[in-house]
Amino acid sequence: MNWIILSLAAGLFQASRNAVMKRLGHELDEYINVLWDSETKERAESYRADLMHSLLLESVFTKYQKC
């Protein structure tokens, strides 16, 4: 029974984490659009994509490492 509660809680925390990451990504995009020129913007967007990809891989790796 406890594992059901824990799995539901984990799902809710993951969903909230995803929502926060999405919001932060949009805020970062807005910051990039307002303050930086186009060349710097392209590098920053590339860095952001790499960062989001590494965070995703880290969360997947951590999830399956615990199994």
PDB file of N, CA and C in Angstrom:
ATOM      1  N   MET A   1       0.828  -1.205   0.000  1.00  0.00           N
ATOM      2  CA  MET A   1       0.000   0.000   0.000  1.00  0.00           C
ATOM      3  C   MET A   1       0.870   1.266   0.000  1.00  0.00           C
ATOM      4  N   ASN A   2       1.956   1.240   0.790  1.00  0.00           N
ATOM      5  CA  ASN A   2       2.834   2.414   0.843  1.00  0.00           C
ATOM      6  C   ASN A   2       3.463   2.714  -0.511  1.00  0.00           C
ATOM      7  N   TRP A   3       3.767   1.681  -1.279  1.00  0.00           N
ATOM      8  CA  TRP A   3       4.406   1.903  -2.575  1.00  0.00           C
ATOM      9  C   TRP A   3       3.473   2.605  -3.546  1.00  0.00           C
ATOM     10  N   ILE A   4       2.159   2.389  -3.397  1.00  0.00           N
ATOM     11  CA  ILE A   4       1.190   3.083  -4.245  1.00  0.00           C
ATOM     12  C   ILE A   4       1.195   4.579  -3.926  1.00  0.00           C
ATOM     13  N   ILE A   5       1.190   4.906  -2.647  1.00  0.00           N
ATOM     14  CA  ILE A   5       1.218   6.302  -2.222  1.00  0.00           C
ATOM     15  C   ILE A   5       2.518   6.966  -2.675  1.00  0.00           C
ATOM     16  N   LEU A   6       3.631   6.241  -2.499  1.00  0.00           N
ATOM     17  CA  LEU A   6       4.922   6.784  -2.914  1.00  0.00           C
ATOM     18  C   LEU A   6       4.991   6.994  -4.425  1.00  0.00           C
ATOM     19  N   SER A   7       4.438   6.062  -5.191  1.00  0.00           N
ATOM     20  CA  SER A   7       4.479   6.217  -6.647  1.00  0.00           C
ATOM     21  C   SER A   7       3.590   7.373  -7.104  1.00  0.00           C
ATOM     22  N   LEU A   8       2.439   7.558  -6.473  1.00  0.00           N
ATOM     23  CA  LEU A   8       1.582   8.699  -6.805  1.00  0.00           C
ATOM     24  C   LEU A   8       2.257  10.018  -6.444  1.00  0.00           C
ATOM     25  N   ALA A   9       2.898  10.057  -5.285  1.00  0.00           N
ATOM     26  CA  ALA A   9       3.616  11.261  -4.875  1.00  0.00           C
ATOM     27  C   ALA A   9       4.765  11.556  -5.834  1.00  0.00           C
ATOM     28  N   ALA A  10       5.491  10.518  -6.239  1.00  0.00           N
ATOM     29  CA  ALA A  10       6.595  10.705  -7.175  1.00  0.00           C
ATOM     30  C   ALA A  10       6.088  11.244  -8.511  1.00  0.00           C
ATOM     31  N   GLY A  11       4.965  10.740  -8.972  1.00  0.00           N
ATOM     32  CA  GLY A  11       4.377  11.239 -10.220  1.00  0.00           C
ATOM     33  C   GLY A  11       3.971  12.696 -10.115  1.00  0.00           C
ATOM     34  N   LEU A  12       3.386  13.079  -8.992  1.00  0.00           N
ATOM     35  CA  LEU A  12       2.994  14.475  -8.797  1.00  0.00           C
ATOM     36  C   LEU A  12       4.206  15.391  -8.722  1.00  0.00           C
ATOM     37  N   PHE A  13       5.250  14.948  -8.009  1.00  0.00           N
ATOM     38  CA  PHE A  13       6.467  15.753  -7.930  1.00  0.00           C
ATOM     39  C   PHE A  13       7.133  15.889  -9.291  1.00  0.00           C
ATOM     40  N   GLN A  14       7.124  14.824 -10.075  1.00  0.00           N
ATOM     41  CA  GLN A  14       7.714  14.881 -11.414  1.00  0.00           C
ATOM     42  C   GLN A  14       6.931  15.841 -12.312  1.00  0.00           C
ATOM     43  N   ALA A  15       5.614  15.797 -12.208  1.00  0.00           N
ATOM     44  CA  ALA A  15       4.783  16.702 -13.013  1.00  0.00           C
ATOM     45  C   ALA A  15       5.024  18.157 -12.614  1.00  0.00           C
ATOM     46  N   SER A  16       5.138  18.405 -11.309  1.00  0.00           N
ATOM     47  CA  SER A  16       5.392  19.779 -10.873  1.00  0.00           C
ATOM     48  C   SER A  16       6.792  20.225 -11.282  1.00  0.00           C
ATOM     49  N   ARG A  17       7.764  19.316 -11.231  1.00  0.00           N
ATOM     50  CA  ARG A  17       9.120  19.643 -11.671  1.00  0.00           C
ATOM     51  C   ARG A  17       9.122  20.002 -13.152  1.00  0.00           C
ATOM     52  N   ASN A  18       8.395  19.231 -13.962  1.00  0.00           N
ATOM     53  CA  ASN A  18       8.324  19.507 -15.392  1.00  0.00           C
ATOM     54  C   ASN A  18       7.691  20.872 -15.660  1.00  0.00           C
ATOM     55  N   ALA A  19       6.660  21.209 -14.894  1.00  0.00           N
ATOM     56  CA  ALA A  19       6.004  22.504 -15.066  1.00  0.00           C
ATOM     57  C   ALA A  19       6.954  23.647 -14.706  1.00  0.00           C
ATOM     58  N   VAL A  20       7.698  23.471 -13.638  1.00  0.00           N
ATOM     59  CA  VAL A  20       8.660  24.501 -13.229  1.00  0.00           C
ATOM     60  C   VAL A  20       9.753  24.652 -14.278  1.00  0.00           C
ATOM     61  N   MET A  21      10.279  23.539 -14.792  1.00  0.00           N
ATOM     62  CA  MET A  21      11.324  23.604 -15.814  1.00  0.00           C
ATOM     63  C   MET A  21      10.811  24.294 -17.081  1.00  0.00           C
ATOM     64  N   LYS A  22       9.569  24.024 -17.443  1.00  0.00           N
ATOM     65  CA  LYS A  22       8.984  24.660 -18.627  1.00  0.00           C
ATOM     66  C   LYS A  22       8.861  26.165 -18.411  1.00  0.00           C
ATOM     67  N   ARG A  23       8.386  26.553 -17.230  1.00  0.00           N
ATOM     68  CA  ARG A  23       8.250  27.980 -16.920  1.00  0.00           C
ATOM     69  C   ARG A  23       9.611  28.661 -16.925  1.00  0.00           C
ATOM     70  N   LEU A  24      10.621  28.029 -16.324  1.00  0.00           N
ATOM     71  CA  LEU A  24      11.960  28.607 -16.310  1.00  0.00           C
ATOM     72  C   LEU A  24      12.527  28.730 -17.725  1.00  0.00           C
ATOM     73  N   GLY A  25      12.242  27.742 -18.556  1.00  0.00           N
ATOM     74  CA  GLY A  25      12.685  27.799 -19.942  1.00  0.00           C
ATOM     75  C   GLY A  25      12.072  28.975 -20.680  1.00  0.00           C
ATOM     76  N   HIS A  26      10.786  29.214 -20.458  1.00  0.00           N
ATOM     77  CA  HIS A  26      10.124  30.351 -21.105  1.00  0.00           C
ATOM     78  C   HIS A  26      10.679  31.676 -20.593  1.00  0.00           C
ATOM     79  N   GLU A  27      10.944  31.743 -19.284  1.00  0.00           N
ATOM     80  CA  GLU A  27      11.507  32.976 -18.727  1.00  0.00           C
ATOM     81  C   GLU A  27      12.906  33.223 -19.288  1.00  0.00           C
ATOM     82  N   LEU A  28      13.692  32.161 -19.428  1.00  0.00           N
ATOM     83  CA  LEU A  28      15.027  32.310 -19.996  1.00  0.00           C
ATOM     84  C   LEU A  28      14.943  32.766 -21.450  1.00  0.00           C
ATOM     85  N   ASP A  29      14.013  32.215 -22.199  1.00  0.00           N
ATOM     86  CA  ASP A  29      13.818  32.648 -23.589  1.00  0.00           C
ATOM     87  C   ASP A  29      13.481  34.136 -23.656  1.00  0.00           C
ATOM     88  N   GLU A  30      12.615  34.584 -22.771  1.00  0.00           N
ATOM     89  CA  GLU A  30      12.229  35.993 -22.752  1.00  0.00           C
ATOM     90  C   GLU A  30      13.431  36.877 -22.420  1.00  0.00           C
ATOM     91  N   TYR A  31      14.232  36.443 -21.462  1.00  0.00           N
ATOM     92  CA  TYR A  31      15.436  37.173 -21.074  1.00  0.00           C
ATOM     93  C   TYR A  31      16.395  37.277 -22.253  1.00  0.00           C
ATOM     94  N   ILE A  32      16.574  36.179 -22.960  1.00  0.00           N
ATOM     95  CA  ILE A  32      17.461  36.152 -24.125  1.00  0.00           C
ATOM     96  C   ILE A  32      16.939  37.110 -25.200  1.00  0.00           C
ATOM     97  N   ASN A  33      15.650  37.070 -25.461  1.00  0.00           N
ATOM     98  CA  ASN A  33      15.060  37.920 -26.500  1.00  0.00           C
ATOM     99  C   ASN A  33      15.211  39.404 -26.194  1.00  0.00           C
ATOM    100  N   VAL A  34      15.112  39.764 -24.945  1.00  0.00           N
ATOM    101  CA  VAL A  34      15.126  41.178 -24.587  1.00  0.00           C
ATOM    102  C   VAL A  34      16.545  41.743 -24.539  1.00  0.00           C
ATOM    103  N   LEU A  35      17.483  40.998 -23.964  1.00  0.00           N
ATOM    104  CA  LEU A  35      18.773  41.592 -23.640  1.00  0.00           C
ATOM    105  C   LEU A  35      19.905  41.335 -24.632  1.00  0.00           C
ATOM    106  N   TRP A  36      19.853  40.266 -25.395  1.00  0.00           N
ATOM    107  CA  TRP A  36      21.032  39.892 -26.166  1.00  0.00           C
ATOM    108  C   TRP A  36      20.833  40.049 -27.660  1.00  0.00           C
ATOM    109  N   ASP A  37      21.945  40.218 -28.361  1.00  0.00           N
ATOM    110  CA  ASP A  37      21.874  40.304 -29.815  1.00  0.00           C
ATOM    111  C   ASP A  37      21.680  38.911 -30.417  1.00  0.00           C
ATOM    112  N   SER A  38      21.513  38.843 -31.732  1.00  0.00           N
ATOM    113  CA  SER A  38      21.138  37.571 -32.364  1.00  0.00           C
ATOM    114  C   SER A  38      22.223  36.511 -32.270  1.00  0.00           C
ATOM    115  N   GLU A  39      23.504  36.889 -32.405  1.00  0.00           N
ATOM    116  CA  GLU A  39      24.578  35.888 -32.336  1.00  0.00           C
ATOM    117  C   GLU A  39      24.675  35.288 -30.940  1.00  0.00           C
ATOM    118  N   THR A  40      24.659  36.137 -29.942  1.00  0.00           N
ATOM    119  CA  THR A  40      24.715  35.669 -28.562  1.00  0.00           C
ATOM    120  C   THR A  40      23.459  34.866 -28.235  1.00  0.00           C
ATOM    121  N   LYS A  41      22.331  35.300 -28.781  1.00  0.00           N
ATOM    122  CA  LYS A  41      21.066  34.600 -28.560  1.00  0.00           C
ATOM    123  C   LYS A  41      21.142  33.162 -29.077  1.00  0.00           C
ATOM    124  N   GLU A  42      21.716  32.962 -30.251  1.00  0.00           N
ATOM    125  CA  GLU A  42      21.835  31.610 -30.802  1.00  0.00           C
ATOM    126  C   GLU A  42      22.704  30.726 -29.917  1.00  0.00           C
ATOM    127  N   ARG A  43      23.820  31.271 -29.429  1.00  0.00           N
ATOM    128  CA  ARG A  43      24.690  30.490 -28.538  1.00  0.00           C
ATOM    129  C   ARG A  43      23.978  30.170 -27.228  1.00  0.00           C
ATOM    130  N   ALA A  44      23.255  31.128 -26.694  1.00  0.00           N
ATOM    131  CA  ALA A  44      22.543  30.910 -25.435  1.00  0.00           C
ATOM    132  C   ALA A  44      21.440  29.874 -25.604  1.00  0.00           C
ATOM    133  N   GLU A  45      20.730  29.916 -26.725  1.00  0.00           N
ATOM    134  CA  GLU A  45      19.678  28.934 -26.967  1.00  0.00           C
ATOM    135  C   GLU A  45      20.268  27.535 -27.122  1.00  0.00           C
ATOM    136  N   SER A  46      21.436  27.444 -27.758  1.00  0.00           N
ATOM    137  CA  SER A  46      22.115  26.160 -27.879  1.00  0.00           C
ATOM    138  C   SER A  46      22.525  25.643 -26.498  1.00  0.00           C
ATOM    139  N   TYR A  47      23.065  26.543 -25.670  1.00  0.00           N
ATOM    140  CA  TYR A  47      23.452  26.173 -24.314  1.00  0.00           C
ATOM    141  C   TYR A  47      22.226  25.738 -23.510  1.00  0.00           C
ATOM    142  N   ARG A  48      21.123  26.463 -23.660  1.00  0.00           N
ATOM    143  CA  ARG A  48      19.888  26.111 -22.946  1.00  0.00           C
ATOM    144  C   ARG A  48      19.407  24.734 -23.361  1.00  0.00           C
ATOM    145  N   ALA A  49      19.424  24.443 -24.655  1.00  0.00           N
ATOM    146  CA  ALA A  49      18.987  23.132 -25.136  1.00  0.00           C
ATOM    147  C   ALA A  49      19.883  22.026 -24.579  1.00  0.00           C
ATOM    148  N   ASP A  50      21.193  22.271 -24.573  1.00  0.00           N
ATOM    149  CA  ASP A  50      22.121  21.282 -24.015  1.00  0.00           C
ATOM    150  C   ASP A  50      21.866  21.074 -22.532  1.00  0.00           C
ATOM    151  N   LEU A  51      21.606  22.163 -21.816  1.00  0.00           N
ATOM    152  CA  LEU A  51      21.347  22.071 -20.383  1.00  0.00           C
ATOM    153  C   LEU A  51      20.064  21.299 -20.104  1.00  0.00           C
ATOM    154  N   MET A  52      18.992  21.607 -20.835  1.00  0.00           N
ATOM    155  CA  MET A  52      17.723  20.906 -20.633  1.00  0.00           C
ATOM    156  C   MET A  52      17.877  19.423 -20.976  1.00  0.00           C
ATOM    157  N   HIS A  53      18.640  19.119 -22.036  1.00  0.00           N
ATOM    158  CA  HIS A  53      18.868  17.727 -22.421  1.00  0.00           C
ATOM    159  C   HIS A  53      19.640  16.985 -21.332  1.00  0.00           C
ATOM    160  N   SER A  54      20.674  17.617 -20.776  1.00  0.00           N
ATOM    161  CA  SER A  54      21.456  16.954 -19.734  1.00  0.00           C
ATOM    162  C   SER A  54      20.633  16.751 -18.468  1.00  0.00           C
ATOM    163  N   LEU A  55      19.752  17.725 -18.148  1.00  0.00           N
ATOM    164  CA  LEU A  55      18.886  17.560 -16.975  1.00  0.00           C
ATOM    165  C   LEU A  55      17.907  16.410 -17.183  1.00  0.00           C
ATOM    166  N   LEU A  56      17.388  16.288 -18.388  1.00  0.00           N
ATOM    167  CA  LEU A  56      16.477  15.199 -18.705  1.00  0.00           C
ATOM    168  C   LEU A  56      17.193  13.859 -18.585  1.00  0.00           C
ATOM    169  N   LEU A  57      18.396  13.759 -19.156  1.00  0.00           N
ATOM    170  CA  LEU A  57      19.159  12.512 -19.073  1.00  0.00           C
ATOM    171  C   LEU A  57      19.502  12.174 -17.631  1.00  0.00           C
ATOM    172  N   GLU A  58      19.846  13.196 -16.848  1.00  0.00           N
ATOM    173  CA  GLU A  58      20.175  12.975 -15.443  1.00  0.00           C
ATOM    174  C   GLU A  58      18.974  12.436 -14.681  1.00  0.00           C
ATOM    175  N   SER A  59      17.788  12.993 -14.932  1.00  0.00           N
ATOM    176  CA  SER A  59      16.596  12.533 -14.214  1.00  0.00           C
ATOM    177  C   SER A  59      16.226  11.112 -14.621  1.00  0.00           C
ATOM    178  N   VAL A  60      16.376  10.792 -15.911  1.00  0.00           N
ATOM    179  CA  VAL A  60      16.084   9.429 -16.364  1.00  0.00           C
ATOM    180  C   VAL A  60      17.087   8.445 -15.783  1.00  0.00           C
ATOM    181  N   PHE A  61      18.374   8.823 -15.803  1.00  0.00           N
ATOM    182  CA  PHE A  61      19.409   7.945 -15.264  1.00  0.00           C
ATOM    183  C   PHE A  61      19.194   7.699 -13.779  1.00  0.00           C
ATOM    184  N   THR A  62      18.863   8.761 -13.033  1.00  0.00           N
ATOM    185  CA  THR A  62      18.627   8.614 -11.595  1.00  0.00           C
ATOM    186  C   THR A  62      17.424   7.734 -11.337  1.00  0.00           C
ATOM    187  N   LYS A  63      16.382   7.901 -12.138  1.00  0.00           N
ATOM    188  CA  LYS A  63      15.147   7.107 -11.968  1.00  0.00           C
ATOM    189  C   LYS A  63      15.427   5.618 -12.169  1.00  0.00           C
ATOM    190  N   TYR A  64      16.162   5.269 -13.221  1.00  0.00           N
ATOM    191  CA  TYR A  64      16.421   3.868 -13.507  1.00  0.00           C
ATOM    192  C   TYR A  64      17.551   3.291 -12.658  1.00  0.00           C
ATOM    193  N   GLN A  65      18.404   4.145 -12.118  1.00  0.00           N
ATOM    194  CA  GLN A  65      19.464   3.662 -11.259  1.00  0.00           C
ATOM    195  C   GLN A  65      18.883   3.159  -9.930  1.00  0.00           C
ATOM    196  N   LYS A  66      17.779   3.744  -9.497  1.00  0.00           N
ATOM    197  CA  LYS A  66      17.151   3.351  -8.236  1.00  0.00           C
ATOM    198  C   LYS A  66      16.401   2.034  -8.356  1.00  0.00           C
ATOM    199  N   CYS A  67      16.052   1.630  -9.577  1.00  0.00           N
ATOM    200  CA  CYS A  67      15.282   0.407  -9.768  1.00  0.00           C
ATOM    201  C   CYS A  67      16.067  -0.837  -9.450  1.00  0.00           C
TER     202      CYS A  67
END
